[in-house]
Amino acid sequence: MINVIRKFRKDKKMSQKILANKCKVSRQTINAIENNKYDPSLDLAFKIATILNVTVDELFQFQLEENKSKEETE
């Protein structure tokens, strides 16, 4: 899954720490999510979307593993 949390967060001039505090998670968790190293729970995804005033669909884009491989080789 890829996401554009960083874009929406920066558009709102919000630091990772502030977003993390509002979501009640660590700054490292937000960093890992933004860098596609961790997929958040559904609950956390909705919290982030609500805080950033966007939909979950706007934040996250699901990619099947086979599609990732094809795109990387093309």
Protein backbone atom coordinates (compact mmCIF):
# COMPACT_ATOMS: atom_id res chain seq x y z
CA MET A 1 0.00 0.00 0.00
CA ILE A 2 1.35 3.44 -0.82
CA ASN A 3 0.22 6.67 0.77
CA VAL A 4 0.37 10.43 0.44
CA ILE A 5 0.10 11.29 4.13
CA ARG A 6 3.27 13.42 3.98
CA LYS A 7 1.76 15.63 1.26
CA PHE A 8 -1.49 16.28 3.14
CA ARG A 9 0.35 16.71 6.45
CA LYS A 10 2.74 19.28 4.95
CA ASP A 11 -0.14 21.06 3.20
CA LYS A 12 -1.58 21.60 6.69
CA LYS A 13 1.86 22.69 7.98
CA MET A 14 1.73 19.88 10.54
CA SER A 15 4.81 18.08 11.86
CA GLN A 16 5.00 14.33 12.25
CA LYS A 17 5.10 14.85 16.02
CA ILE A 18 1.87 16.88 16.04
CA LEU A 19 0.08 14.32 13.84
CA ALA A 20 1.40 11.51 16.04
CA ASN A 21 0.18 13.24 19.21
CA LYS A 22 -3.28 13.77 17.73
CA CYS A 23 -3.39 10.08 16.71
CA LYS A 24 -1.97 8.94 20.06
CA VAL A 25 0.96 7.11 18.41
CA SER A 26 4.69 7.78 18.26
CA ARG A 27 6.35 10.06 15.73
CA GLN A 28 8.29 6.98 14.58
CA THR A 29 5.00 5.27 13.71
CA ILE A 30 3.95 8.19 11.50
CA ASN A 31 7.42 8.20 9.90
CA ALA A 32 7.22 4.46 9.17
CA ILE A 33 3.75 4.82 7.64
CA GLU A 34 4.82 7.77 5.47
CA ASN A 35 7.83 5.79 4.25
CA ASN A 36 5.66 2.76 3.39
CA LYS A 37 7.47 0.59 5.97
CA TYR A 38 4.34 -0.01 8.04
CA ASP A 39 0.67 -0.30 7.12
CA PRO A 40 -1.54 1.26 9.80
CA SER A 41 -4.52 -0.45 11.34
CA LEU A 42 -7.88 0.54 9.88
CA ASP A 43 -8.61 2.50 13.05
CA LEU A 44 -5.36 4.48 12.74
CA ALA A 45 -5.90 5.07 9.00
CA PHE A 46 -9.31 6.61 9.76
CA LYS A 47 -7.83 8.74 12.57
CA ILE A 48 -5.15 10.11 10.25
CA ALA A 49 -7.70 10.81 7.51
CA THR A 50 -10.03 12.57 9.94
CA ILE A 51 -7.24 14.73 11.38
CA LEU A 52 -6.04 15.66 7.89
CA ASN A 53 -9.66 16.24 6.77
CA VAL A 54 -9.48 13.83 3.82
CA THR A 55 -10.86 10.38 3.08
CA VAL A 56 -8.94 7.17 3.62
CA ASP A 57 -9.18 6.60 -0.15
CA GLU A 58 -7.36 9.88 -0.74
CA LEU A 59 -4.52 8.88 1.62
CA PHE A 60 -3.92 5.26 0.65
CA GLN A 61 -3.61 3.37 -2.61
CA PHE A 62 -3.58 -0.40 -2.52
CA GLN A 63 -1.29 -2.27 -4.92
CA LEU A 64 -1.26 -6.02 -5.37
CA GLU A 65 2.19 -7.60 -4.94
CA GLU A 66 2.18 -8.89 -8.53
CA ASN A 67 1.44 -5.38 -9.83
CA LYS A 68 4.37 -3.98 -7.84
CA SER A 69 6.74 -6.51 -9.43
CA LYS A 70 5.50 -5.78 -12.96
CA GLU A 71 5.83 -2.03 -12.47
CA GLU A 72 9.35 -2.34 -11.08
CA THR A 73 10.55 -4.35 -14.07
CA GLU A 74 8.86 -2.23 -16.74
